[in-house]
Amino acid sequence: ELKGSKFHDKRNQVNKFRSRYRYEYITLTPDLIEECLAFE
């Protein structure tokens, strides 16, 4: 949730990211491992 003053900076970073970029969250499955290895 990143609520409250103690998470102010984190919340701002998340909001700025979502306003600037398009992205997709993916649950990892074995068929994605090669892509993850390339990223590593």
PDB file of all heavy atoms in Angstrom:
ATOM      1  N   GLU A   1       0.808  -1.229   0.000  1.00  0.00           N
ATOM      2  CA  GLU A   1       0.000   0.000   0.000  1.00  0.00           C
ATOM      3  C   GLU A   1       0.836   1.271   0.000  1.00  0.00           C
ATOM      4  O   GLU A   1       0.405   2.297  -0.541  1.00  0.00           O
ATOM      5  CB  GLU A   1      -0.939  -0.009   1.211  1.00  0.00           C
ATOM      6  CG  GLU A   1      -1.962  -1.139   1.170  1.00  0.00           C
ATOM      7  CD  GLU A   1      -2.881  -1.142   2.369  1.00  0.00           C
ATOM      8  OE1 GLU A   1      -2.613  -0.372   3.327  1.00  0.00           O
ATOM      9  OE2 GLU A   1      -3.870  -1.891   2.349  1.00  0.00           O
ATOM     10  N   LEU A   2       2.023   1.235   0.629  1.00  0.00           N
ATOM     11  CA  LEU A   2       2.924   2.398   0.690  1.00  0.00           C
ATOM     12  C   LEU A   2       2.212   3.647   1.216  1.00  0.00           C
ATOM     13  O   LEU A   2       2.383   4.754   0.696  1.00  0.00           O
ATOM     14  CB  LEU A   2       3.527   2.681  -0.695  1.00  0.00           C
ATOM     15  CG  LEU A   2       4.379   1.561  -1.300  1.00  0.00           C
ATOM     16  CD1 LEU A   2       4.830   1.939  -2.699  1.00  0.00           C
ATOM     17  CD2 LEU A   2       5.585   1.259  -0.413  1.00  0.00           C
ATOM     18  N   LYS A   3       1.449   3.456   2.291  1.00  0.00           N
ATOM     19  CA  LYS A   3       0.701   4.576   2.852  1.00  0.00           C
ATOM     20  C   LYS A   3       1.520   5.337   3.894  1.00  0.00           C
ATOM     21  O   LYS A   3       2.443   4.777   4.492  1.00  0.00           O
ATOM     22  CB  LYS A   3      -0.592   4.075   3.496  1.00  0.00           C
ATOM     23  CG  LYS A   3      -1.642   3.578   2.511  1.00  0.00           C
ATOM     24  CD  LYS A   3      -2.900   3.143   3.249  1.00  0.00           C
ATOM     25  CE  LYS A   3      -3.988   2.698   2.274  1.00  0.00           C
ATOM     26  NZ  LYS A   3      -5.217   2.261   3.003  1.00  0.00           N
ATOM     27  N   GLY A   4       1.167   6.589   4.114  1.00  0.00           N
ATOM     28  CA  GLY A   4       1.756   7.370   5.186  1.00  0.00           C
ATOM     29  C   GLY A   4       3.040   8.077   4.791  1.00  0.00           C
ATOM     30  O   GLY A   4       3.643   7.817   3.746  1.00  0.00           O
ATOM     31  N   SER A   5       3.455   8.970   5.680  1.00  0.00           N
ATOM     32  CA  SER A   5       4.610   9.822   5.398  1.00  0.00           C
ATOM     33  C   SER A   5       5.904   9.031   5.273  1.00  0.00           C
ATOM     34  O   SER A   5       6.811   9.416   4.535  1.00  0.00           O
ATOM     35  CB  SER A   5       4.746  10.881   6.490  1.00  0.00           C
ATOM     36  OG  SER A   5       4.891  10.272   7.769  1.00  0.00           O
ATOM     37  N   LYS A   6       6.013   7.915   6.007  1.00  0.00           N
ATOM     38  CA  LYS A   6       7.271   7.167   5.974  1.00  0.00           C
ATOM     39  C   LYS A   6       7.513   6.486   4.631  1.00  0.00           C
ATOM     40  O   LYS A   6       8.637   6.081   4.331  1.00  0.00           O
ATOM     41  CB  LYS A   6       7.328   6.149   7.108  1.00  0.00           C
ATOM     42  CG  LYS A   6       6.308   5.032   7.043  1.00  0.00           C
ATOM     43  CD  LYS A   6       6.467   4.109   8.256  1.00  0.00           C
ATOM     44  CE  LYS A   6       5.470   2.959   8.240  1.00  0.00           C
ATOM     45  NZ  LYS A   6       5.644   2.066   9.409  1.00  0.00           N
ATOM     46  N   PHE A   7       6.456   6.359   3.814  1.00  0.00           N
ATOM     47  CA  PHE A   7       6.614   5.776   2.476  1.00  0.00           C
ATOM     48  C   PHE A   7       6.415   6.824   1.379  1.00  0.00           C
ATOM     49  O   PHE A   7       6.189   6.467   0.221  1.00  0.00           O
ATOM     50  CB  PHE A   7       5.618   4.629   2.278  1.00  0.00           C
ATOM     51  CG  PHE A   7       5.947   3.401   3.083  1.00  0.00           C
ATOM     52  CD1 PHE A   7       5.197   3.079   4.200  1.00  0.00           C
ATOM     53  CD2 PHE A   7       7.007   2.576   2.726  1.00  0.00           C
ATOM     54  CE1 PHE A   7       5.499   1.951   4.954  1.00  0.00           C
ATOM     55  CE2 PHE A   7       7.319   1.452   3.472  1.00  0.00           C
ATOM     56  CZ  PHE A   7       6.559   1.135   4.585  1.00  0.00           C
ATOM     57  N   HIS A   8       6.529   8.096   1.751  1.00  0.00           N
ATOM     58  CA  HIS A   8       6.276   9.187   0.795  1.00  0.00           C
ATOM     59  C   HIS A   8       7.161   9.051  -0.446  1.00  0.00           C
ATOM     60  O   HIS A   8       6.677   9.125  -1.589  1.00  0.00           O
ATOM     61  CB  HIS A   8       6.511  10.531   1.478  1.00  0.00           C
ATOM     62  CG  HIS A   8       6.404  11.700   0.555  1.00  0.00           C
ATOM     63  ND1 HIS A   8       5.201  12.205   0.121  1.00  0.00           N
ATOM     64  CD2 HIS A   8       7.381  12.457  -0.046  1.00  0.00           C
ATOM     65  CE1 HIS A   8       5.418  13.228  -0.692  1.00  0.00           C
ATOM     66  NE2 HIS A   8       6.725  13.400  -0.805  1.00  0.00           N
ATOM     67  N   ASP A   9       8.462   8.863  -0.251  1.00  0.00           N
ATOM     68  CA  ASP A   9       9.380   8.784  -1.390  1.00  0.00           C
ATOM     69  C   ASP A   9       9.114   7.557  -2.249  1.00  0.00           C
ATOM     70  O   ASP A   9       9.132   7.638  -3.488  1.00  0.00           O
ATOM     71  CB  ASP A   9      10.833   8.765  -0.905  1.00  0.00           C
ATOM     72  CG  ASP A   9      11.258  10.104  -0.315  1.00  0.00           C
ATOM     73  OD1 ASP A   9      10.589  11.112  -0.605  1.00  0.00           O
ATOM     74  OD2 ASP A   9      12.244  10.130   0.446  1.00  0.00           O
ATOM     75  N   LYS A  10       8.859   6.406  -1.626  1.00  0.00           N
ATOM     76  CA  LYS A  10       8.575   5.186  -2.383  1.00  0.00           C
ATOM     77  C   LYS A  10       7.290   5.340  -3.199  1.00  0.00           C
ATOM     78  O   LYS A  10       7.220   4.931  -4.365  1.00  0.00           O
ATOM     79  CB  LYS A  10       8.439   3.981  -1.437  1.00  0.00           C
ATOM     80  CG  LYS A  10       9.657   3.697  -0.592  1.00  0.00           C
ATOM     81  CD  LYS A  10      10.859   3.290  -1.415  1.00  0.00           C
ATOM     82  CE  LYS A  10      12.039   2.942  -0.534  1.00  0.00           C
ATOM     83  NZ  LYS A  10      13.290   2.763  -1.291  1.00  0.00           N
ATOM     84  N   ARG A  11       6.285   5.907  -2.581  1.00  0.00           N
ATOM     85  CA  ARG A  11       5.003   6.109  -3.259  1.00  0.00           C
ATOM     86  C   ARG A  11       5.169   7.037  -4.462  1.00  0.00           C
ATOM     87  O   ARG A  11       4.613   6.781  -5.551  1.00  0.00           O
ATOM     88  CB  ARG A  11       3.991   6.679  -2.264  1.00  0.00           C
ATOM     89  CG  ARG A  11       2.567   6.711  -2.777  1.00  0.00           C
ATOM     90  CD  ARG A  11       1.586   6.993  -1.638  1.00  0.00           C
ATOM     91  NE  ARG A  11       1.838   8.274  -0.982  1.00  0.00           N
ATOM     92  CZ  ARG A  11       2.329   8.376   0.266  1.00  0.00           C
ATOM     93  NH1 ARG A  11       2.629   7.299   0.959  1.00  0.00           N
ATOM     94  NH2 ARG A  11       2.519   9.575   0.808  1.00  0.00           N
ATOM     95  N   ASN A  12       5.970   8.095  -4.313  1.00  0.00           N
ATOM     96  CA  ASN A  12       6.221   9.007  -5.431  1.00  0.00           C
ATOM     97  C   ASN A  12       6.943   8.303  -6.577  1.00  0.00           C
ATOM     98  O   ASN A  12       6.629   8.510  -7.760  1.00  0.00           O
ATOM     99  CB  ASN A  12       7.050  10.207  -4.960  1.00  0.00           C
ATOM    100  CG  ASN A  12       6.198  11.272  -4.305  1.00  0.00           C
ATOM    101  OD1 ASN A  12       4.967  11.193  -4.327  1.00  0.00           O
ATOM    102  ND2 ASN A  12       6.835  12.257  -3.703  1.00  0.00           N
ATOM    103  N   GLN A  13       7.915   7.462  -6.235  1.00  0.00           N
ATOM    104  CA  GLN A  13       8.662   6.746  -7.275  1.00  0.00           C
ATOM    105  C   GLN A  13       7.758   5.793  -8.050  1.00  0.00           C
ATOM    106  O   GLN A  13       7.848   5.681  -9.280  1.00  0.00           O
ATOM    107  CB  GLN A  13       9.823   5.974  -6.641  1.00  0.00           C
ATOM    108  CG  GLN A  13      10.947   6.869  -6.147  1.00  0.00           C
ATOM    109  CD  GLN A  13      11.988   6.089  -5.354  1.00  0.00           C
ATOM    110  OE1 GLN A  13      11.672   5.362  -4.414  1.00  0.00           O
ATOM    111  NE2 GLN A  13      13.252   6.242  -5.728  1.00  0.00           N
ATOM    112  N   VAL A  14       6.864   5.100  -7.319  1.00  0.00           N
ATOM    113  CA  VAL A  14       5.927   4.186  -7.960  1.00  0.00           C
ATOM    114  C   VAL A  14       4.961   4.949  -8.862  1.00  0.00           C
ATOM    115  O   VAL A  14       4.693   4.546 -10.007  1.00  0.00           O
ATOM    116  CB  VAL A  14       5.160   3.370  -6.888  1.00  0.00           C
ATOM    117  CG1 VAL A  14       3.923   2.704  -7.488  1.00  0.00           C
ATOM    118  CG2 VAL A  14       6.069   2.324  -6.271  1.00  0.00           C
ATOM    119  N   ASN A  15       4.426   6.052  -8.370  1.00  0.00           N
ATOM    120  CA  ASN A  15       3.468   6.837  -9.155  1.00  0.00           C
ATOM    121  C   ASN A  15       4.119   7.437 -10.400  1.00  0.00           C
ATOM    122  O   ASN A  15       3.507   7.459 -11.484  1.00  0.00           O
ATOM    123  CB  ASN A  15       2.862   7.943  -8.289  1.00  0.00           C
ATOM    124  CG  ASN A  15       1.939   7.390  -7.212  1.00  0.00           C
ATOM    125  OD1 ASN A  15       1.430   6.279  -7.332  1.00  0.00           O
ATOM    126  ND2 ASN A  15       1.731   8.159  -6.146  1.00  0.00           N
ATOM    127  N   LYS A  16       5.336   7.923 -10.273  1.00  0.00           N
ATOM    128  CA  LYS A  16       6.038   8.480 -11.431  1.00  0.00           C
ATOM    129  C   LYS A  16       6.311   7.406 -12.476  1.00  0.00           C
ATOM    130  O   LYS A  16       6.165   7.630 -13.677  1.00  0.00           O
ATOM    131  CB  LYS A  16       7.351   9.130 -10.989  1.00  0.00           C
ATOM    132  CG  LYS A  16       7.186  10.457 -10.277  1.00  0.00           C
ATOM    133  CD  LYS A  16       8.542  11.033  -9.864  1.00  0.00           C
ATOM    134  CE  LYS A  16       8.380  12.345  -9.129  1.00  0.00           C
ATOM    135  NZ  LYS A  16       9.698  12.898  -8.686  1.00  0.00           N
ATOM    136  N   PHE A  17       6.696   6.227 -11.995  1.00  0.00           N
ATOM    137  CA  PHE A  17       6.965   5.124 -12.916  1.00  0.00           C
ATOM    138  C   PHE A  17       5.700   4.782 -13.702  1.00  0.00           C
ATOM    139  O   PHE A  17       5.732   4.640 -14.940  1.00  0.00           O
ATOM    140  CB  PHE A  17       7.445   3.892 -12.147  1.00  0.00           C
ATOM    141  CG  PHE A  17       7.707   2.700 -13.015  1.00  0.00           C
ATOM    142  CD1 PHE A  17       8.966   2.472 -13.550  1.00  0.00           C
ATOM    143  CD2 PHE A  17       6.688   1.798 -13.314  1.00  0.00           C
ATOM    144  CE1 PHE A  17       9.204   1.379 -14.374  1.00  0.00           C
ATOM    145  CE2 PHE A  17       6.914   0.705 -14.134  1.00  0.00           C
ATOM    146  CZ  PHE A  17       8.178   0.491 -14.662  1.00  0.00           C
ATOM    147  N   ARG A  18       4.589   4.644 -13.010  1.00  0.00           N
ATOM    148  CA  ARG A  18       3.343   4.249 -13.677  1.00  0.00           C
ATOM    149  C   ARG A  18       2.841   5.328 -14.640  1.00  0.00           C
ATOM    150  O   ARG A  18       2.179   5.008 -15.636  1.00  0.00           O
ATOM    151  CB  ARG A  18       2.265   3.928 -12.629  1.00  0.00           C
ATOM    152  CG  ARG A  18       2.525   2.626 -11.876  1.00  0.00           C
ATOM    153  CD  ARG A  18       1.253   2.094 -11.233  1.00  0.00           C
ATOM    154  NE  ARG A  18       1.445   0.722 -10.786  1.00  0.00           N
ATOM    155  CZ  ARG A  18       1.694   0.351  -9.542  1.00  0.00           C
ATOM    156  NH1 ARG A  18       1.773   1.280  -8.593  1.00  0.00           N
ATOM    157  NH2 ARG A  18       1.854  -0.908  -9.218  1.00  0.00           N
ATOM    158  N   SER A  19       3.157   6.571 -14.370  1.00  0.00           N
ATOM    159  CA  SER A  19       2.727   7.653 -15.273  1.00  0.00           C
ATOM    160  C   SER A  19       3.608   7.761 -16.518  1.00  0.00           C
ATOM    161  O   SER A  19       3.178   8.292 -17.541  1.00  0.00           O
ATOM    162  CB  SER A  19       2.714   8.990 -14.527  1.00  0.00           C
ATOM    163  OG  SER A  19       4.037   9.405 -14.197  1.00  0.00           O
ATOM    164  N   ARG A  20       4.840   7.215 -16.423  1.00  0.00           N
ATOM    165  CA  ARG A  20       5.798   7.359 -17.532  1.00  0.00           C
ATOM    166  C   ARG A  20       5.904   6.117 -18.415  1.00  0.00           C
ATOM    167  O   ARG A  20       6.225   6.229 -19.604  1.00  0.00           O
ATOM    168  CB  ARG A  20       7.189   7.670 -16.973  1.00  0.00           C
ATOM    169  CG  ARG A  20       7.325   9.018 -16.310  1.00  0.00           C
ATOM    170  CD  ARG A  20       8.727   9.172 -15.725  1.00  0.00           C
ATOM    171  NE  ARG A  20       8.898  10.447 -15.042  1.00  0.00           N
ATOM    172  CZ  ARG A  20       9.991  10.785 -14.375  1.00  0.00           C
ATOM    173  NH1 ARG A  20      11.012   9.938 -14.297  1.00  0.00           N
ATOM    174  NH2 ARG A  20      10.065  11.959 -13.785  1.00  0.00           N
ATOM    175  N   TYR A  21       5.670   4.952 -17.834  1.00  0.00           N
ATOM    176  CA  TYR A  21       5.981   3.718 -18.556  1.00  0.00           C
ATOM    177  C   TYR A  21       4.774   2.785 -18.629  1.00  0.00           C
ATOM    178  O   TYR A  21       3.904   2.782 -17.763  1.00  0.00           O
ATOM    179  CB  TYR A  21       7.125   2.961 -17.850  1.00  0.00           C
ATOM    180  CG  TYR A  21       8.397   3.730 -17.706  1.00  0.00           C
ATOM    181  CD1 TYR A  21       8.758   4.287 -16.470  1.00  0.00           C
ATOM    182  CD2 TYR A  21       9.263   3.917 -18.784  1.00  0.00           C
ATOM    183  CE1 TYR A  21       9.949   4.981 -16.318  1.00  0.00           C
ATOM    184  CE2 TYR A  21      10.447   4.618 -18.636  1.00  0.00           C
ATOM    185  CZ  TYR A  21      10.782   5.151 -17.406  1.00  0.00           C
ATOM    186  OH  TYR A  21      11.956   5.862 -17.259  1.00  0.00           O
ATOM    187  N   ARG A  22       4.799   1.972 -19.671  1.00  0.00           N
ATOM    188  CA  ARG A  22       3.856   0.867 -19.780  1.00  0.00           C
ATOM    189  C   ARG A  22       4.625  -0.412 -19.438  1.00  0.00           C
ATOM    190  O   ARG A  22       5.757  -0.598 -19.883  1.00  0.00           O
ATOM    191  CB  ARG A  22       3.285   0.777 -21.194  1.00  0.00           C
ATOM    192  CG  ARG A  22       2.453   1.980 -21.594  1.00  0.00           C
ATOM    193  CD  ARG A  22       1.862   1.802 -22.973  1.00  0.00           C
ATOM    194  NE  ARG A  22       0.944   0.657 -23.029  1.00  0.00           N
ATOM    195  CZ  ARG A  22       0.348   0.257 -24.148  1.00  0.00           C
ATOM    196  NH1 ARG A  22       0.596   0.878 -25.302  1.00  0.00           N
ATOM    197  NH2 ARG A  22      -0.477  -0.780 -24.126  1.00  0.00           N
ATOM    198  N   TYR A  23       4.004  -1.268 -18.661  1.00  0.00           N
ATOM    199  CA  TYR A  23       4.692  -2.487 -18.259  1.00  0.00           C
ATOM    200  C   TYR A  23       3.684  -3.601 -18.029  1.00  0.00           C
ATOM    201  O   TYR A  23       2.471  -3.362 -17.923  1.00  0.00           O
ATOM    202  CB  TYR A  23       5.506  -2.252 -16.993  1.00  0.00           C
ATOM    203  CG  TYR A  23       4.678  -2.147 -15.723  1.00  0.00           C
ATOM    204  CD1 TYR A  23       4.474  -3.278 -14.911  1.00  0.00           C
ATOM    205  CD2 TYR A  23       4.095  -0.946 -15.333  1.00  0.00           C
ATOM    206  CE1 TYR A  23       3.718  -3.191 -13.752  1.00  0.00           C
ATOM    207  CE2 TYR A  23       3.343  -0.860 -14.182  1.00  0.00           C
ATOM    208  CZ  TYR A  23       3.151  -1.973 -13.391  1.00  0.00           C
ATOM    209  OH  TYR A  23       2.398  -1.887 -12.257  1.00  0.00           O
ATOM    210  N   GLU A  24       4.195  -4.805 -17.921  1.00  0.00           N
ATOM    211  CA  GLU A  24       3.369  -5.974 -17.634  1.00  0.00           C
ATOM    212  C   GLU A  24       4.044  -6.796 -16.542  1.00  0.00           C
ATOM    213  O   GLU A  24       5.241  -7.082 -16.642  1.00  0.00           O
ATOM    214  CB  GLU A  24       3.228  -6.828 -18.900  1.00  0.00           C
ATOM    215  CG  GLU A  24       2.487  -8.136 -18.693  1.00  0.00           C
ATOM    216  CD  GLU A  24       2.544  -9.050 -19.914  1.00  0.00           C
ATOM    217  OE1 GLU A  24       3.333  -8.756 -20.847  1.00  0.00           O
ATOM    218  OE2 GLU A  24       1.807 -10.056 -19.922  1.00  0.00           O
ATOM    219  N   TYR A  25       3.281  -7.157 -15.506  1.00  0.00           N
ATOM    220  CA  TYR A  25       3.797  -8.078 -14.498  1.00  0.00           C
ATOM    221  C   TYR A  25       3.490  -9.506 -14.937  1.00  0.00           C
ATOM    222  O   TYR A  25       2.371  -9.805 -15.355  1.00  0.00           O
ATOM    223  CB  TYR A  25       3.185  -7.827 -13.123  1.00  0.00           C
ATOM    224  CG  TYR A  25       3.640  -8.874 -12.114  1.00  0.00           C
ATOM    225  CD1 TYR A  25       4.855  -8.735 -11.459  1.00  0.00           C
ATOM    226  CD2 TYR A  25       2.890 -10.032 -11.883  1.00  0.00           C
ATOM    227  CE1 TYR A  25       5.312  -9.719 -10.580  1.00  0.00           C
ATOM    228  CE2 TYR A  25       3.338 -11.007 -11.002  1.00  0.00           C
ATOM    229  CZ  TYR A  25       4.549 -10.850 -10.358  1.00  0.00           C
ATOM    230  OH  TYR A  25       4.993 -11.822  -9.515  1.00  0.00           O
ATOM    231  N   ILE A  26       4.475 -10.397 -14.805  1.00  0.00           N
ATOM    232  CA  ILE A  26       4.314 -11.793 -15.210  1.00  0.00           C
ATOM    233  C   ILE A  26       4.733 -12.698 -14.069  1.00  0.00           C
ATOM    234  O   ILE A  26       5.825 -12.527 -13.502  1.00  0.00           O
ATOM    235  CB  ILE A  26       5.198 -12.133 -16.428  1.00  0.00           C
ATOM    236  CG1 ILE A  26       5.096 -11.067 -17.505  1.00  0.00           C
ATOM    237  CG2 ILE A  26       4.861 -13.505 -16.983  1.00  0.00           C
ATOM    238  CD1 ILE A  26       6.222 -11.140 -18.513  1.00  0.00           C
ATOM    239  N   THR A  27       3.890 -13.671 -13.739  1.00  0.00           N
ATOM    240  CA  THR A  27       4.305 -14.725 -12.812  1.00  0.00           C
ATOM    241  C   THR A  27       5.251 -15.658 -13.552  1.00  0.00           C
ATOM    242  O   THR A  27       4.946 -16.109 -14.665  1.00  0.00           O
ATOM    243  CB  THR A  27       3.087 -15.508 -12.289  1.00  0.00           C
ATOM    244  OG1 THR A  27       2.280 -14.627 -11.504  1.00  0.00           O
ATOM    245  CG2 THR A  27       3.530 -16.688 -11.428  1.00  0.00           C
ATOM    246  N   LEU A  28       6.379 -15.941 -12.948  1.00  0.00           N
ATOM    247  CA  LEU A  28       7.413 -16.719 -13.630  1.00  0.00           C
ATOM    248  C   LEU A  28       6.971 -18.169 -13.830  1.00  0.00           C
ATOM    249  O   LEU A  28       6.464 -18.813 -12.922  1.00  0.00           O
ATOM    250  CB  LEU A  28       8.706 -16.680 -12.808  1.00  0.00           C
ATOM    251  CG  LEU A  28      10.022 -16.700 -13.586  1.00  0.00           C
ATOM    252  CD1 LEU A  28      10.098 -15.569 -14.572  1.00  0.00           C
ATOM    253  CD2 LEU A  28      11.193 -16.651 -12.614  1.00  0.00           C
ATOM    254  N   THR A  29       7.218 -18.663 -15.045  1.00  0.00           N
ATOM    255  CA  THR A  29       6.989 -20.056 -15.407  1.00  0.00           C
ATOM    256  C   THR A  29       8.247 -20.557 -16.101  1.00  0.00           C
ATOM    257  O   THR A  29       9.062 -19.759 -16.589  1.00  0.00           O
ATOM    258  CB  THR A  29       5.773 -20.203 -16.335  1.00  0.00           C
ATOM    259  OG1 THR A  29       5.945 -19.321 -17.460  1.00  0.00           O
ATOM    260  CG2 THR A  29       4.472 -19.851 -15.617  1.00  0.00           C
ATOM    261  N   PRO A  30       8.445 -21.880 -16.172  1.00  0.00           N
ATOM    262  CA  PRO A  30       9.677 -22.408 -16.760  1.00  0.00           C
ATOM    263  C   PRO A  30       9.969 -21.907 -18.179  1.00  0.00           C
ATOM    264  O   PRO A  30      11.131 -21.764 -18.551  1.00  0.00           O
ATOM    265  CB  PRO A  30       9.440 -23.925 -16.739  1.00  0.00           C
ATOM    266  CG  PRO A  30       8.571 -24.140 -15.544  1.00  0.00           C
ATOM    267  CD  PRO A  30       7.635 -22.962 -15.539  1.00  0.00           C
ATOM    268  N   ASP A  31       8.952 -21.604 -18.951  1.00  0.00           N
ATOM    269  CA  ASP A  31       9.184 -21.154 -20.326  1.00  0.00           C
ATOM    270  C   ASP A  31       9.761 -19.738 -20.398  1.00  0.00           C
ATOM    271  O   ASP A  31      10.192 -19.297 -21.466  1.00  0.00           O
ATOM    272  CB  ASP A  31       7.892 -21.223 -21.148  1.00  0.00           C
ATOM    273  CG  ASP A  31       6.786 -20.378 -20.551  1.00  0.00           C
ATOM    274  OD1 ASP A  31       6.352 -20.674 -19.425  1.00  0.00           O
ATOM    275  OD2 ASP A  31       6.352 -19.412 -21.217  1.00  0.00           O
ATOM    276  N   LEU A  32       9.787 -19.021 -19.262  1.00  0.00           N
ATOM    277  CA  LEU A  32      10.342 -17.659 -19.241  1.00  0.00           C
ATOM    278  C   LEU A  32      11.792 -17.622 -18.751  1.00  0.00           C
ATOM    279  O   LEU A  32      12.410 -16.551 -18.723  1.00  0.00           O
ATOM    280  CB  LEU A  32       9.496 -16.764 -18.332  1.00  0.00           C
ATOM    281  CG  LEU A  32       8.063 -16.481 -18.786  1.00  0.00           C
ATOM    282  CD1 LEU A  32       7.285 -15.800 -17.677  1.00  0.00           C
ATOM    283  CD2 LEU A  32       8.058 -15.629 -20.049  1.00  0.00           C
ATOM    284  N   ILE A  33      12.326 -18.775 -18.379  1.00  0.00           N
ATOM    285  CA  ILE A  33      13.660 -18.807 -17.771  1.00  0.00           C
ATOM    286  C   ILE A  33      14.737 -18.273 -18.713  1.00  0.00           C
ATOM    287  O   ILE A  33      15.648 -17.539 -18.277  1.00  0.00           O
ATOM    288  CB  ILE A  33      14.005 -20.236 -17.302  1.00  0.00           C
ATOM    289  CG1 ILE A  33      13.059 -20.648 -16.165  1.00  0.00           C
ATOM    290  CG2 ILE A  33      15.459 -20.316 -16.840  1.00  0.00           C
ATOM    291  CD1 ILE A  33      13.088 -19.736 -14.957  1.00  0.00           C
ATOM    292  N   GLU A  34      14.681 -18.617 -19.978  1.00  0.00           N
ATOM    293  CA  GLU A  34      15.708 -18.144 -20.922  1.00  0.00           C
ATOM    294  C   GLU A  34      15.734 -16.625 -20.974  1.00  0.00           C
ATOM    295  O   GLU A  34      16.806 -16.013 -21.021  1.00  0.00           O
ATOM    296  CB  GLU A  34      15.473 -18.730 -22.316  1.00  0.00           C
ATOM    297  CG  GLU A  34      15.791 -20.205 -22.438  1.00  0.00           C
ATOM    298  CD  GLU A  34      17.237 -20.527 -22.071  1.00  0.00           C
ATOM    299  OE1 GLU A  34      18.139 -19.757 -22.452  1.00  0.00           O
ATOM    300  OE2 GLU A  34      17.447 -21.544 -21.376  1.00  0.00           O
ATOM    301  N   GLU A  35      14.572 -15.991 -20.967  1.00  0.00           N
ATOM    302  CA  GLU A  35      14.511 -14.531 -20.947  1.00  0.00           C
ATOM    303  C   GLU A  35      15.110 -13.969 -19.664  1.00  0.00           C
ATOM    304  O   GLU A  35      15.802 -12.944 -19.685  1.00  0.00           O
ATOM    305  CB  GLU A  35      13.067 -14.056 -21.089  1.00  0.00           C
ATOM    306  CG  GLU A  35      12.487 -14.150 -22.472  1.00  0.00           C
ATOM    307  CD  GLU A  35      11.106 -13.519 -22.530  1.00  0.00           C
ATOM    308  OE1 GLU A  35      11.025 -12.268 -22.537  1.00  0.00           O
ATOM    309  OE2 GLU A  35      10.123 -14.276 -22.531  1.00  0.00           O
ATOM    310  N   CYS A  36      14.828 -14.637 -18.566  1.00  0.00           N
ATOM    311  CA  CYS A  36      15.361 -14.181 -17.280  1.00  0.00           C
ATOM    312  C   CYS A  36      16.881 -14.333 -17.235  1.00  0.00           C
ATOM    313  O   CYS A  36      17.581 -13.468 -16.680  1.00  0.00           O
ATOM    314  CB  CYS A  36      14.724 -14.964 -16.140  1.00  0.00           C
ATOM    315  SG  CYS A  36      12.969 -14.627 -15.896  1.00  0.00           S
ATOM    316  N   LEU A  37      17.388 -15.406 -17.812  1.00  0.00           N
ATOM    317  CA  LEU A  37      18.843 -15.602 -17.864  1.00  0.00           C
ATOM    318  C   LEU A  37      19.501 -14.518 -18.713  1.00  0.00           C
ATOM    319  O   LEU A  37      20.579 -14.013 -18.367  1.00  0.00           O
ATOM    320  CB  LEU A  37      19.163 -16.984 -18.431  1.00  0.00           C
ATOM    321  CG  LEU A  37      18.849 -18.167 -17.501  1.00  0.00           C
ATOM    322  CD1 LEU A  37      18.946 -19.487 -18.275  1.00  0.00           C
ATOM    323  CD2 LEU A  37      19.795 -18.188 -16.307  1.00  0.00           C
ATOM    324  N   ALA A  38      18.843 -14.144 -19.798  1.00  0.00           N
ATOM    325  CA  ALA A  38      19.377 -13.073 -20.657  1.00  0.00           C
ATOM    326  C   ALA A  38      19.388 -11.751 -19.890  1.00  0.00           C
ATOM    327  O   ALA A  38      20.343 -10.962 -19.999  1.00  0.00           O
ATOM    328  CB  ALA A  38      18.540 -12.952 -21.921  1.00  0.00           C
ATOM    329  N   PHE A  39      18.344 -11.512 -19.085  1.00  0.00           N
ATOM    330  CA  PHE A  39      18.313 -10.295 -18.290  1.00  0.00           C
ATOM    331  C   PHE A  39      19.416 -10.304 -17.236  1.00  0.00           C
ATOM    332  O   PHE A  39      20.078  -9.285 -17.004  1.00  0.00           O
ATOM    333  CB  PHE A  39      16.952 -10.120 -17.611  1.00  0.00           C
ATOM    334  CG  PHE A  39      16.945  -9.031 -16.573  1.00  0.00           C
ATOM    335  CD1 PHE A  39      16.969  -7.696 -16.953  1.00  0.00           C
ATOM    336  CD2 PHE A  39      16.966  -9.333 -15.222  1.00  0.00           C
ATOM    337  CE1 PHE A  39      17.006  -6.675 -15.996  1.00  0.00           C
ATOM    338  CE2 PHE A  39      16.998  -8.336 -14.262  1.00  0.00           C
ATOM    339  CZ  PHE A  39      17.014  -6.999 -14.652  1.00  0.00           C
ATOM    340  N   GLU A  40      19.624 -11.443 -16.586  1.00  0.00           N
ATOM    341  CA  GLU A  40      20.690 -11.549 -15.588  1.00  0.00           C
ATOM    342  C   GLU A  40      22.050 -11.270 -16.223  1.00  0.00           C
ATOM    343  O   GLU A  40      22.890 -10.588 -15.629  1.00  0.00           O
ATOM    344  CB  GLU A  40      20.664 -12.935 -14.949  1.00  0.00           C
ATOM    345  CG  GLU A  40      21.889 -13.304 -14.130  1.00  0.00           C
ATOM    346  CD  GLU A  40      22.121 -12.437 -12.915  1.00  0.00           C
ATOM    347  OE1 GLU A  40      21.193 -11.719 -12.482  1.00  0.00           O
ATOM    348  OE2 GLU A  40      23.254 -12.475 -12.369  1.00  0.00           O
TER     349      GLU A  40
END
